[in-house]
Amino acid sequence: MAVSMQDIKKLRSMTGAGMLDVKNALEETEGDLEKAAALLRERGVAKAEKKADREASEGFVGSYVHHNGKIATLIELNCETDFVARNDGFRELAKNLAIHIAMANPRYVSRTDVPGDMVEAERETLSKQALAEGKPPQVVDKIVDGRLGKFFAELCLLEQPYVKDDKKTIDELLKESVATIGENIQIGSFSRIAIGE
């Protein structure tokens, strides 16, 4: 199937993918822009996972101060090269992550950062709740695991739904950015300051 240049341009602007990748995706999906975008995202995630082990020692500190002046955030966003660190798209991602942190108030970057004693205390509380609700003891562990997922989604930045598009998590947003930018991207650390908290 012949793909129009207009569709290629449109899909490139939607996904940020390369010209050849866009053309191939459109040909594979018979010109369906939505299916082609989904296909590129799937492939991008696969590419992102391959790049996750590469060292990200360059980066940019993104910041955000809320319009009322009562909340401010800083985020260290790392990448592989200085060239990407100076890229407008990369800096926009850092700014958007800083806005997300201001609104969603995560406490940790990922699950591995949450102290083990805090996780165990939450597991014990959730287990007692499930038993008090009359859940059979043999399914309590599965229920607790499911509820721990919600616990981590509240605390951990990577697991939170993105405030600008709650259909994806911050982790998915990062993987899409890796696919678009072509380098490993990692969140180093972040800080949130709020008056009265």
N, C-alpha and C. Protein backbone atom coordinates (compact mmCIF):
# COMPACT_ATOMS: atom_id res chain seq x y z
N MET A 1 0.83 -1.19 0.00
CA MET A 1 0.00 0.00 0.00
C MET A 1 0.88 1.25 0.00
N ALA A 2 0.52 2.20 -0.84
CA ALA A 2 1.26 3.47 -0.89
C ALA A 2 0.80 4.37 0.26
N VAL A 3 1.75 4.97 0.92
CA VAL A 3 1.45 5.82 2.08
C VAL A 3 1.68 7.27 1.67
N SER A 4 0.73 8.14 2.00
CA SER A 4 0.87 9.55 1.61
C SER A 4 1.88 10.27 2.50
N MET A 5 2.51 11.26 1.92
CA MET A 5 3.48 12.07 2.65
C MET A 5 2.78 12.82 3.79
N GLN A 6 1.53 13.19 3.58
CA GLN A 6 0.75 13.90 4.60
C GLN A 6 0.56 13.00 5.84
N ASP A 7 0.25 11.70 5.63
CA ASP A 7 0.09 10.77 6.75
C ASP A 7 1.41 10.55 7.48
N ILE A 8 2.50 10.47 6.72
CA ILE A 8 3.82 10.30 7.33
C ILE A 8 4.14 11.49 8.23
N LYS A 9 3.91 12.70 7.72
CA LYS A 9 4.17 13.91 8.52
C LYS A 9 3.30 13.94 9.77
N LYS A 10 2.04 13.58 9.61
CA LYS A 10 1.10 13.61 10.74
C LYS A 10 1.54 12.62 11.82
N LEU A 11 1.89 11.40 11.40
CA LEU A 11 2.30 10.37 12.37
C LEU A 11 3.64 10.75 13.02
N ARG A 12 4.54 11.36 12.26
CA ARG A 12 5.81 11.82 12.84
C ARG A 12 5.57 12.87 13.91
N SER A 13 4.64 13.78 13.66
CA SER A 13 4.36 14.82 14.66
C SER A 13 3.65 14.23 15.88
N MET A 14 2.87 13.17 15.69
CA MET A 14 2.18 12.51 16.81
C MET A 14 3.15 11.73 17.69
N THR A 15 4.15 11.09 17.05
CA THR A 15 4.99 10.15 17.79
C THR A 15 6.44 10.60 17.97
N GLY A 16 6.93 11.45 17.07
CA GLY A 16 8.33 11.85 17.13
C GLY A 16 9.27 10.78 16.58
N ALA A 17 8.72 9.74 15.99
CA ALA A 17 9.53 8.63 15.45
C ALA A 17 10.18 9.05 14.14
N GLY A 18 11.18 8.29 13.73
CA GLY A 18 11.91 8.57 12.50
C GLY A 18 11.07 8.30 11.26
N MET A 19 11.46 8.92 10.16
CA MET A 19 10.72 8.84 8.90
C MET A 19 10.52 7.40 8.43
N LEU A 20 11.57 6.60 8.41
CA LEU A 20 11.48 5.23 7.93
C LEU A 20 10.60 4.38 8.85
N ASP A 21 10.76 4.57 10.17
CA ASP A 21 9.93 3.82 11.13
C ASP A 21 8.45 4.15 10.92
N VAL A 22 8.15 5.42 10.72
CA VAL A 22 6.77 5.87 10.51
C VAL A 22 6.21 5.27 9.23
N LYS A 23 6.98 5.34 8.14
CA LYS A 23 6.53 4.81 6.84
C LYS A 23 6.25 3.32 6.96
N ASN A 24 7.16 2.57 7.59
CA ASN A 24 6.97 1.13 7.74
C ASN A 24 5.75 0.80 8.59
N ALA A 25 5.54 1.54 9.67
CA ALA A 25 4.39 1.31 10.54
C ALA A 25 3.09 1.57 9.79
N LEU A 26 3.05 2.64 9.00
CA LEU A 26 1.85 2.94 8.22
C LEU A 26 1.58 1.86 7.17
N GLU A 27 2.64 1.37 6.54
CA GLU A 27 2.46 0.30 5.55
C GLU A 27 1.94 -0.98 6.21
N GLU A 28 2.49 -1.32 7.38
CA GLU A 28 2.06 -2.53 8.09
C GLU A 28 0.63 -2.45 8.57
N THR A 29 0.16 -1.25 8.90
CA THR A 29 -1.21 -1.10 9.43
C THR A 29 -2.16 -0.58 8.36
N GLU A 30 -1.73 -0.65 7.10
CA GLU A 30 -2.56 -0.24 5.96
C GLU A 30 -3.08 1.19 6.09
N GLY A 31 -2.23 2.08 6.56
CA GLY A 31 -2.55 3.49 6.62
C GLY A 31 -3.35 3.94 7.83
N ASP A 32 -3.63 3.05 8.78
CA ASP A 32 -4.39 3.40 9.98
C ASP A 32 -3.47 4.13 10.96
N LEU A 33 -3.68 5.44 11.13
CA LEU A 33 -2.79 6.25 11.96
C LEU A 33 -2.76 5.79 13.42
N GLU A 34 -3.92 5.48 13.99
CA GLU A 34 -3.97 5.06 15.39
C GLU A 34 -3.24 3.74 15.61
N LYS A 35 -3.49 2.78 14.72
CA LYS A 35 -2.80 1.47 14.84
C LYS A 35 -1.30 1.63 14.63
N ALA A 36 -0.93 2.49 13.69
CA ALA A 36 0.50 2.72 13.43
C ALA A 36 1.17 3.38 14.63
N ALA A 37 0.47 4.34 15.27
CA ALA A 37 1.02 4.99 16.47
C ALA A 37 1.20 3.97 17.59
N ALA A 38 0.20 3.08 17.76
CA ALA A 38 0.29 2.04 18.79
C ALA A 38 1.45 1.10 18.49
N LEU A 39 1.63 0.74 17.23
CA LEU A 39 2.73 -0.14 16.82
C LEU A 39 4.08 0.51 17.13
N LEU A 40 4.20 1.80 16.82
CA LEU A 40 5.44 2.51 17.12
C LEU A 40 5.71 2.58 18.61
N ARG A 41 4.63 2.78 19.41
CA ARG A 41 4.81 2.80 20.87
C ARG A 41 5.31 1.45 21.36
N GLU A 42 4.72 0.36 20.85
CA GLU A 42 5.16 -0.99 21.26
C GLU A 42 6.64 -1.18 20.93
N ARG A 43 7.01 -0.81 19.73
CA ARG A 43 8.41 -0.96 19.31
C ARG A 43 9.31 -0.03 20.10
N GLY A 44 8.81 1.15 20.42
CA GLY A 44 9.57 2.10 21.21
C GLY A 44 9.86 1.59 22.60
N VAL A 45 8.87 0.93 23.20
CA VAL A 45 9.07 0.36 24.53
C VAL A 45 10.14 -0.71 24.47
N ALA A 46 10.11 -1.53 23.41
CA ALA A 46 11.14 -2.57 23.27
C ALA A 46 12.52 -1.92 23.14
N LYS A 47 12.60 -0.85 22.34
CA LYS A 47 13.88 -0.14 22.20
C LYS A 47 14.30 0.48 23.53
N ALA A 48 13.33 1.03 24.27
CA ALA A 48 13.62 1.67 25.55
C ALA A 48 14.20 0.67 26.54
N GLU A 49 13.66 -0.54 26.55
CA GLU A 49 14.15 -1.55 27.49
C GLU A 49 15.59 -1.94 27.16
N LYS A 50 15.94 -1.97 25.87
CA LYS A 50 17.31 -2.30 25.48
C LYS A 50 18.29 -1.20 25.93
N LYS A 51 17.80 0.05 25.99
CA LYS A 51 18.67 1.18 26.32
C LYS A 51 18.77 1.43 27.82
N ALA A 52 17.96 0.74 28.61
CA ALA A 52 17.88 1.02 30.05
C ALA A 52 19.18 0.77 30.79
N ASP A 53 20.05 -0.10 30.27
CA ASP A 53 21.30 -0.41 30.95
C ASP A 53 22.42 0.58 30.63
N ARG A 54 22.21 1.44 29.65
CA ARG A 54 23.26 2.38 29.27
C ARG A 54 23.37 3.49 30.30
N GLU A 55 24.59 3.96 30.53
CA GLU A 55 24.84 4.97 31.55
C GLU A 55 24.26 6.32 31.15
N ALA A 56 23.55 6.92 32.09
CA ALA A 56 22.96 8.25 31.88
C ALA A 56 23.63 9.23 32.84
N SER A 57 24.78 9.79 32.40
CA SER A 57 25.56 10.64 33.30
C SER A 57 25.46 12.13 32.96
N GLU A 58 24.70 12.48 31.93
CA GLU A 58 24.44 13.89 31.61
C GLU A 58 23.01 14.18 32.04
N GLY A 59 22.56 15.40 31.88
CA GLY A 59 21.17 15.68 32.24
C GLY A 59 20.86 17.14 32.43
N PHE A 60 19.73 17.37 33.07
CA PHE A 60 19.17 18.70 33.24
C PHE A 60 18.35 18.72 34.52
N VAL A 61 18.38 19.83 35.23
CA VAL A 61 17.54 19.99 36.42
C VAL A 61 16.33 20.81 36.01
N GLY A 62 15.17 20.17 36.02
CA GLY A 62 13.93 20.85 35.70
C GLY A 62 13.33 21.43 36.96
N SER A 63 12.58 22.53 36.81
CA SER A 63 11.97 23.16 37.98
C SER A 63 10.57 23.64 37.67
N TYR A 64 9.81 23.84 38.73
CA TYR A 64 8.45 24.36 38.58
C TYR A 64 8.08 25.09 39.87
N VAL A 65 7.53 26.27 39.73
CA VAL A 65 6.97 27.00 40.87
C VAL A 65 5.51 27.27 40.52
N HIS A 66 4.61 26.80 41.38
CA HIS A 66 3.17 26.96 41.13
C HIS A 66 2.82 28.45 41.13
N HIS A 67 1.77 28.81 40.38
CA HIS A 67 1.41 30.23 40.20
C HIS A 67 1.13 30.96 41.52
N ASN A 68 0.72 30.22 42.56
CA ASN A 68 0.47 30.90 43.84
C ASN A 68 1.73 31.04 44.69
N GLY A 69 2.84 30.50 44.21
CA GLY A 69 4.10 30.62 44.91
C GLY A 69 4.21 29.77 46.17
N LYS A 70 3.31 28.80 46.34
CA LYS A 70 3.31 28.00 47.56
C LYS A 70 3.84 26.57 47.37
N ILE A 71 4.08 26.17 46.12
CA ILE A 71 4.64 24.84 45.84
C ILE A 71 5.75 25.03 44.81
N ALA A 72 6.88 24.37 45.05
CA ALA A 72 7.99 24.40 44.09
C ALA A 72 8.61 23.01 44.03
N THR A 73 9.11 22.64 42.85
CA THR A 73 9.75 21.34 42.70
C THR A 73 11.01 21.47 41.86
N LEU A 74 11.94 20.55 42.11
CA LEU A 74 13.14 20.37 41.30
C LEU A 74 13.24 18.90 40.96
N ILE A 75 13.68 18.59 39.74
CA ILE A 75 13.89 17.20 39.36
C ILE A 75 15.18 17.09 38.56
N GLU A 76 15.96 16.07 38.89
CA GLU A 76 17.18 15.74 38.15
C GLU A 76 16.79 14.69 37.12
N LEU A 77 16.86 15.06 35.84
CA LEU A 77 16.55 14.13 34.76
C LEU A 77 17.84 13.84 34.01
N ASN A 78 18.22 12.57 33.96
CA ASN A 78 19.50 12.18 33.37
C ASN A 78 19.32 11.57 31.99
N CYS A 79 20.34 11.79 31.15
CA CYS A 79 20.39 11.20 29.81
C CYS A 79 21.85 10.82 29.53
N GLU A 80 22.11 10.34 28.32
CA GLU A 80 23.45 9.84 28.01
C GLU A 80 24.41 10.91 27.50
N THR A 81 23.89 11.91 26.79
CA THR A 81 24.78 12.89 26.16
C THR A 81 24.36 14.32 26.48
N ASP A 82 25.33 15.21 26.41
CA ASP A 82 25.08 16.64 26.61
C ASP A 82 24.18 17.18 25.49
N PHE A 83 24.31 16.61 24.30
CA PHE A 83 23.48 17.04 23.17
C PHE A 83 21.99 16.88 23.51
N VAL A 84 21.61 15.75 24.06
CA VAL A 84 20.22 15.52 24.44
C VAL A 84 19.84 16.40 25.63
N ALA A 85 20.74 16.58 26.57
CA ALA A 85 20.46 17.40 27.76
C ALA A 85 20.10 18.84 27.36
N ARG A 86 20.62 19.30 26.21
CA ARG A 86 20.32 20.66 25.74
C ARG A 86 19.10 20.70 24.82
N ASN A 87 18.53 19.53 24.50
CA ASN A 87 17.39 19.41 23.58
C ASN A 87 16.12 19.97 24.23
N ASP A 88 15.36 20.77 23.47
CA ASP A 88 14.13 21.37 23.99
C ASP A 88 13.11 20.32 24.45
N GLY A 89 13.00 19.22 23.70
CA GLY A 89 12.06 18.16 24.08
C GLY A 89 12.42 17.52 25.41
N PHE A 90 13.70 17.32 25.64
CA PHE A 90 14.17 16.74 26.90
C PHE A 90 13.89 17.69 28.06
N ARG A 91 14.15 18.97 27.83
CA ARG A 91 13.91 19.97 28.89
C ARG A 91 12.42 20.14 29.16
N GLU A 92 11.61 20.01 28.13
CA GLU A 92 10.15 20.07 28.30
C GLU A 92 9.68 18.88 29.14
N LEU A 93 10.26 17.70 28.90
CA LEU A 93 9.94 16.52 29.71
C LEU A 93 10.28 16.78 31.17
N ALA A 94 11.44 17.36 31.44
CA ALA A 94 11.85 17.67 32.82
C ALA A 94 10.85 18.63 33.46
N LYS A 95 10.43 19.64 32.72
CA LYS A 95 9.45 20.61 33.23
C LYS A 95 8.12 19.93 33.54
N ASN A 96 7.66 19.07 32.62
CA ASN A 96 6.39 18.36 32.83
C ASN A 96 6.46 17.42 34.03
N LEU A 97 7.60 16.79 34.22
CA LEU A 97 7.76 15.92 35.39
C LEU A 97 7.76 16.76 36.67
N ALA A 98 8.37 17.94 36.63
CA ALA A 98 8.37 18.82 37.79
C ALA A 98 6.94 19.26 38.13
N ILE A 99 6.14 19.56 37.11
CA ILE A 99 4.73 19.91 37.33
C ILE A 99 3.99 18.72 37.94
N HIS A 100 4.22 17.53 37.40
CA HIS A 100 3.57 16.33 37.94
C HIS A 100 3.89 16.15 39.42
N ILE A 101 5.15 16.31 39.78
CA ILE A 101 5.58 16.14 41.17
C ILE A 101 4.88 17.16 42.07
N ALA A 102 4.73 18.39 41.58
CA ALA A 102 4.04 19.42 42.37
C ALA A 102 2.59 19.01 42.63
N MET A 103 1.93 18.43 41.63
CA MET A 103 0.51 18.10 41.76
C MET A 103 0.28 16.76 42.47
N ALA A 104 1.08 15.74 42.16
CA ALA A 104 0.83 14.38 42.66
C ALA A 104 1.56 14.06 43.97
N ASN A 105 2.57 14.83 44.31
CA ASN A 105 3.30 14.68 45.57
C ASN A 105 3.82 13.27 45.86
N PRO A 106 4.60 12.69 44.93
CA PRO A 106 5.20 11.38 45.23
C PRO A 106 6.29 11.54 46.29
N ARG A 107 6.62 10.45 46.98
CA ARG A 107 7.67 10.52 48.00
C ARG A 107 8.96 9.83 47.55
N TYR A 108 8.84 8.88 46.63
CA TYR A 108 10.00 8.10 46.17
C TYR A 108 9.96 8.00 44.65
N VAL A 109 11.11 7.71 44.03
CA VAL A 109 11.15 7.54 42.58
C VAL A 109 10.53 6.20 42.21
N SER A 110 10.96 5.09 42.87
CA SER A 110 10.45 3.77 42.51
C SER A 110 10.23 2.91 43.76
N ARG A 111 9.66 1.73 43.56
CA ARG A 111 9.40 0.80 44.66
C ARG A 111 10.65 0.46 45.44
N THR A 112 11.75 0.34 44.74
CA THR A 112 12.99 -0.06 45.42
C THR A 112 13.49 1.00 46.40
N ASP A 113 12.98 2.22 46.27
CA ASP A 113 13.38 3.30 47.17
C ASP A 113 12.56 3.34 48.46
N VAL A 114 11.41 2.66 48.47
CA VAL A 114 10.54 2.66 49.65
C VAL A 114 11.19 1.79 50.73
N PRO A 115 11.36 2.30 51.95
CA PRO A 115 11.99 1.50 53.02
C PRO A 115 11.23 0.19 53.26
N GLY A 116 11.99 -0.89 53.43
CA GLY A 116 11.41 -2.22 53.63
C GLY A 116 10.48 -2.29 54.83
N ASP A 117 10.83 -1.61 55.93
CA ASP A 117 9.98 -1.66 57.12
C ASP A 117 8.63 -0.98 56.86
N MET A 118 8.62 0.05 56.02
CA MET A 118 7.37 0.73 55.67
C MET A 118 6.48 -0.21 54.84
N VAL A 119 7.09 -0.93 53.90
CA VAL A 119 6.33 -1.88 53.07
C VAL A 119 5.77 -3.00 53.94
N GLU A 120 6.58 -3.53 54.85
CA GLU A 120 6.12 -4.62 55.72
C GLU A 120 4.99 -4.15 56.63
N ALA A 121 5.08 -2.95 57.16
CA ALA A 121 4.01 -2.42 58.02
C ALA A 121 2.72 -2.28 57.22
N GLU A 122 2.82 -1.80 55.99
CA GLU A 122 1.63 -1.65 55.14
C GLU A 122 1.06 -3.03 54.79
N ARG A 123 1.95 -4.00 54.50
CA ARG A 123 1.51 -5.37 54.18
C ARG A 123 0.73 -5.96 55.36
N GLU A 124 1.25 -5.75 56.57
CA GLU A 124 0.59 -6.28 57.77
C GLU A 124 -0.78 -5.62 57.98
N THR A 125 -0.85 -4.31 57.81
CA THR A 125 -2.11 -3.59 57.95
C THR A 125 -3.14 -4.07 56.92
N LEU A 126 -2.71 -4.20 55.67
CA LEU A 126 -3.61 -4.65 54.61
C LEU A 126 -4.08 -6.07 54.84
N SER A 127 -3.20 -6.91 55.37
CA SER A 127 -3.54 -8.30 55.67
C SER A 127 -4.62 -8.35 56.76
N LYS A 128 -4.44 -7.55 57.81
CA LYS A 128 -5.44 -7.49 58.89
C LYS A 128 -6.78 -6.98 58.37
N GLN A 129 -6.73 -5.97 57.50
CA GLN A 129 -7.97 -5.43 56.92
C GLN A 129 -8.70 -6.50 56.11
N ALA A 130 -7.96 -7.22 55.28
CA ALA A 130 -8.58 -8.26 54.43
C ALA A 130 -9.22 -9.35 55.30
N LEU A 131 -8.54 -9.76 56.37
CA LEU A 131 -9.10 -10.78 57.26
C LEU A 131 -10.33 -10.24 57.98
N ALA A 132 -10.30 -8.97 58.39
CA ALA A 132 -11.44 -8.35 59.07
C ALA A 132 -12.64 -8.22 58.14
N GLU A 133 -12.37 -8.12 56.83
CA GLU A 133 -13.45 -8.04 55.85
C GLU A 133 -14.05 -9.42 55.57
N GLY A 134 -13.49 -10.45 56.20
CA GLY A 134 -14.01 -11.81 56.03
C GLY A 134 -13.45 -12.54 54.82
N LYS A 135 -12.35 -12.06 54.27
CA LYS A 135 -11.73 -12.72 53.12
C LYS A 135 -11.11 -14.04 53.57
N PRO A 136 -11.21 -15.09 52.74
CA PRO A 136 -10.61 -16.38 53.10
C PRO A 136 -9.08 -16.25 53.22
N PRO A 137 -8.50 -16.86 54.27
CA PRO A 137 -7.06 -16.74 54.50
C PRO A 137 -6.20 -17.13 53.29
N GLN A 138 -6.66 -18.08 52.48
CA GLN A 138 -5.85 -18.53 51.33
C GLN A 138 -5.75 -17.49 50.21
N VAL A 139 -6.64 -16.49 50.18
CA VAL A 139 -6.57 -15.46 49.14
C VAL A 139 -6.08 -14.11 49.66
N VAL A 140 -5.83 -14.04 50.96
CA VAL A 140 -5.41 -12.77 51.57
C VAL A 140 -4.13 -12.24 50.94
N ASP A 141 -3.14 -13.12 50.69
CA ASP A 141 -1.87 -12.66 50.11
C ASP A 141 -2.08 -12.02 48.74
N LYS A 142 -2.94 -12.60 47.91
CA LYS A 142 -3.20 -12.02 46.58
C LYS A 142 -3.90 -10.67 46.71
N ILE A 143 -4.83 -10.58 47.63
CA ILE A 143 -5.54 -9.31 47.87
C ILE A 143 -4.54 -8.25 48.34
N VAL A 144 -3.69 -8.63 49.28
CA VAL A 144 -2.68 -7.70 49.81
C VAL A 144 -1.74 -7.23 48.70
N ASP A 145 -1.32 -8.15 47.82
CA ASP A 145 -0.44 -7.76 46.70
C ASP A 145 -1.11 -6.74 45.80
N GLY A 146 -2.40 -6.94 45.52
CA GLY A 146 -3.15 -5.99 44.70
C GLY A 146 -3.25 -4.63 45.36
N ARG A 147 -3.53 -4.62 46.64
CA ARG A 147 -3.66 -3.36 47.37
C ARG A 147 -2.30 -2.68 47.55
N LEU A 148 -1.24 -3.46 47.65
CA LEU A 148 0.11 -2.87 47.72
C LEU A 148 0.43 -2.12 46.44
N GLY A 149 -0.09 -2.61 45.30
CA GLY A 149 0.10 -1.91 44.03
C GLY A 149 -0.44 -0.49 44.11
N LYS A 150 -1.61 -0.32 44.74
CA LYS A 150 -2.20 1.01 44.90
C LYS A 150 -1.35 1.86 45.86
N PHE A 151 -0.83 1.22 46.89
CA PHE A 151 0.05 1.89 47.86
C PHE A 151 1.28 2.45 47.14
N PHE A 152 1.91 1.62 46.31
CA PHE A 152 3.10 2.06 45.57
C PHE A 152 2.74 3.15 44.55
N ALA A 153 1.56 3.05 43.93
CA ALA A 153 1.15 4.06 42.94
C ALA A 153 0.96 5.43 43.59
N GLU A 154 0.61 5.45 44.86
CA GLU A 154 0.48 6.74 45.56
C GLU A 154 1.84 7.32 45.93
N LEU A 155 2.77 6.44 46.32
CA LEU A 155 4.07 6.88 46.83
C LEU A 155 5.16 7.06 45.78
N CYS A 156 5.13 6.24 44.73
CA CYS A 156 6.26 6.14 43.80
C CYS A 156 5.99 6.87 42.49
N LEU A 157 6.83 7.81 42.16
CA LEU A 157 6.69 8.62 40.96
C LEU A 157 6.49 7.78 39.70
N LEU A 158 7.33 6.78 39.49
CA LEU A 158 7.26 6.00 38.26
C LEU A 158 5.93 5.26 38.08
N GLU A 159 5.23 4.98 39.18
CA GLU A 159 3.99 4.22 39.09
C GLU A 159 2.74 5.09 39.08
N GLN A 160 2.92 6.40 39.26
CA GLN A 160 1.76 7.29 39.29
C GLN A 160 1.21 7.54 37.89
N PRO A 161 -0.13 7.68 37.79
CA PRO A 161 -0.69 8.11 36.51
C PRO A 161 -0.24 9.55 36.24
N TYR A 162 0.19 9.82 35.03
CA TYR A 162 0.69 11.13 34.63
C TYR A 162 -0.45 12.15 34.72
N VAL A 163 -0.22 13.27 35.39
CA VAL A 163 -1.31 14.25 35.61
C VAL A 163 -1.83 14.86 34.31
N LYS A 164 -1.03 14.90 33.26
CA LYS A 164 -1.49 15.47 31.99
C LYS A 164 -2.14 14.44 31.09
N ASP A 165 -2.00 13.16 31.41
CA ASP A 165 -2.63 12.07 30.64
C ASP A 165 -2.69 10.84 31.53
N ASP A 166 -3.78 10.70 32.28
CA ASP A 166 -3.86 9.64 33.29
C ASP A 166 -4.02 8.24 32.71
N LYS A 167 -3.99 8.12 31.39
CA LYS A 167 -4.03 6.78 30.76
C LYS A 167 -2.65 6.14 30.73
N LYS A 168 -1.62 6.91 31.09
CA LYS A 168 -0.26 6.35 31.14
C LYS A 168 0.42 6.73 32.44
N THR A 169 1.33 5.87 32.86
CA THR A 169 2.10 6.14 34.07
C THR A 169 3.34 6.95 33.69
N ILE A 170 4.02 7.46 34.71
CA ILE A 170 5.26 8.19 34.48
C ILE A 170 6.30 7.26 33.85
N ASP A 171 6.33 6.00 34.28
CA ASP A 171 7.25 5.03 33.68
C ASP A 171 6.99 4.88 32.19
N GLU A 172 5.71 4.78 31.79
CA GLU A 172 5.37 4.68 30.37
C GLU A 172 5.75 5.95 29.62
N LEU A 173 5.54 7.10 30.25
CA LEU A 173 5.93 8.38 29.64
C LEU A 173 7.45 8.40 29.38
N LEU A 174 8.23 7.94 30.35
CA LEU A 174 9.69 7.90 30.17
C LEU A 174 10.08 6.97 29.03
N LYS A 175 9.43 5.79 28.96
CA LYS A 175 9.75 4.83 27.89
C LYS A 175 9.41 5.41 26.52
N GLU A 176 8.30 6.13 26.41
CA GLU A 176 7.95 6.79 25.15
C GLU A 176 9.00 7.83 24.79
N SER A 177 9.48 8.56 25.79
CA SER A 177 10.50 9.58 25.56
C SER A 177 11.82 8.96 25.13
N VAL A 178 12.17 7.82 25.72
CA VAL A 178 13.38 7.10 25.31
C VAL A 178 13.27 6.71 23.85
N ALA A 179 12.09 6.22 23.45
CA ALA A 179 11.87 5.81 22.07
C ALA A 179 11.98 7.00 21.12
N THR A 180 11.47 8.15 21.54
CA THR A 180 11.49 9.34 20.70
C THR A 180 12.88 9.97 20.63
N ILE A 181 13.52 10.11 21.79
CA ILE A 181 14.81 10.79 21.86
C ILE A 181 15.96 9.88 21.44
N GLY A 182 15.82 8.58 21.76
CA GLY A 182 16.84 7.62 21.34
C GLY A 182 17.95 7.39 22.33
N GLU A 183 17.77 7.85 23.55
CA GLU A 183 18.77 7.63 24.60
C GLU A 183 18.09 7.15 25.87
N ASN A 184 18.88 6.53 26.74
CA ASN A 184 18.40 6.16 28.06
C ASN A 184 18.09 7.44 28.84
N ILE A 185 16.93 7.47 29.49
CA ILE A 185 16.53 8.60 30.33
C ILE A 185 16.16 8.04 31.69
N GLN A 186 16.69 8.65 32.74
CA GLN A 186 16.40 8.21 34.10
C GLN A 186 16.15 9.40 35.00
N ILE A 187 15.29 9.19 35.99
CA ILE A 187 15.07 10.21 37.00
C ILE A 187 16.09 9.98 38.10
N GLY A 188 16.94 11.00 38.34
CA GLY A 188 17.95 10.87 39.37
C GLY A 188 17.34 11.07 40.76
N SER A 189 16.79 12.24 40.98
CA SER A 189 16.14 12.54 42.26
C SER A 189 15.20 13.71 42.05
N PHE A 190 14.39 13.98 43.06
CA PHE A 190 13.50 15.13 42.99
C PHE A 190 13.25 15.66 44.38
N SER A 191 12.78 16.90 44.43
CA SER A 191 12.46 17.53 45.69
C SER A 191 11.21 18.39 45.51
N ARG A 192 10.35 18.38 46.53
CA ARG A 192 9.13 19.18 46.49
C ARG A 192 9.03 19.97 47.77
N ILE A 193 8.79 21.27 47.65
CA ILE A 193 8.63 22.13 48.80
C ILE A 193 7.25 22.75 48.73
N ALA A 194 6.51 22.67 49.84
CA ALA A 194 5.17 23.28 49.87
C ALA A 194 5.00 24.03 51.18
N ILE A 195 4.47 25.24 51.11
CA ILE A 195 4.21 26.04 52.31
C ILE A 195 3.15 25.33 53.14
N GLY A 196 3.43 25.17 54.43
CA GLY A 196 2.47 24.57 55.35
C GLY A 196 2.49 23.07 55.42
N GLU A 197 3.34 22.41 54.64
CA GLU A 197 3.40 20.94 54.70
C GLU A 197 4.62 20.49 55.48
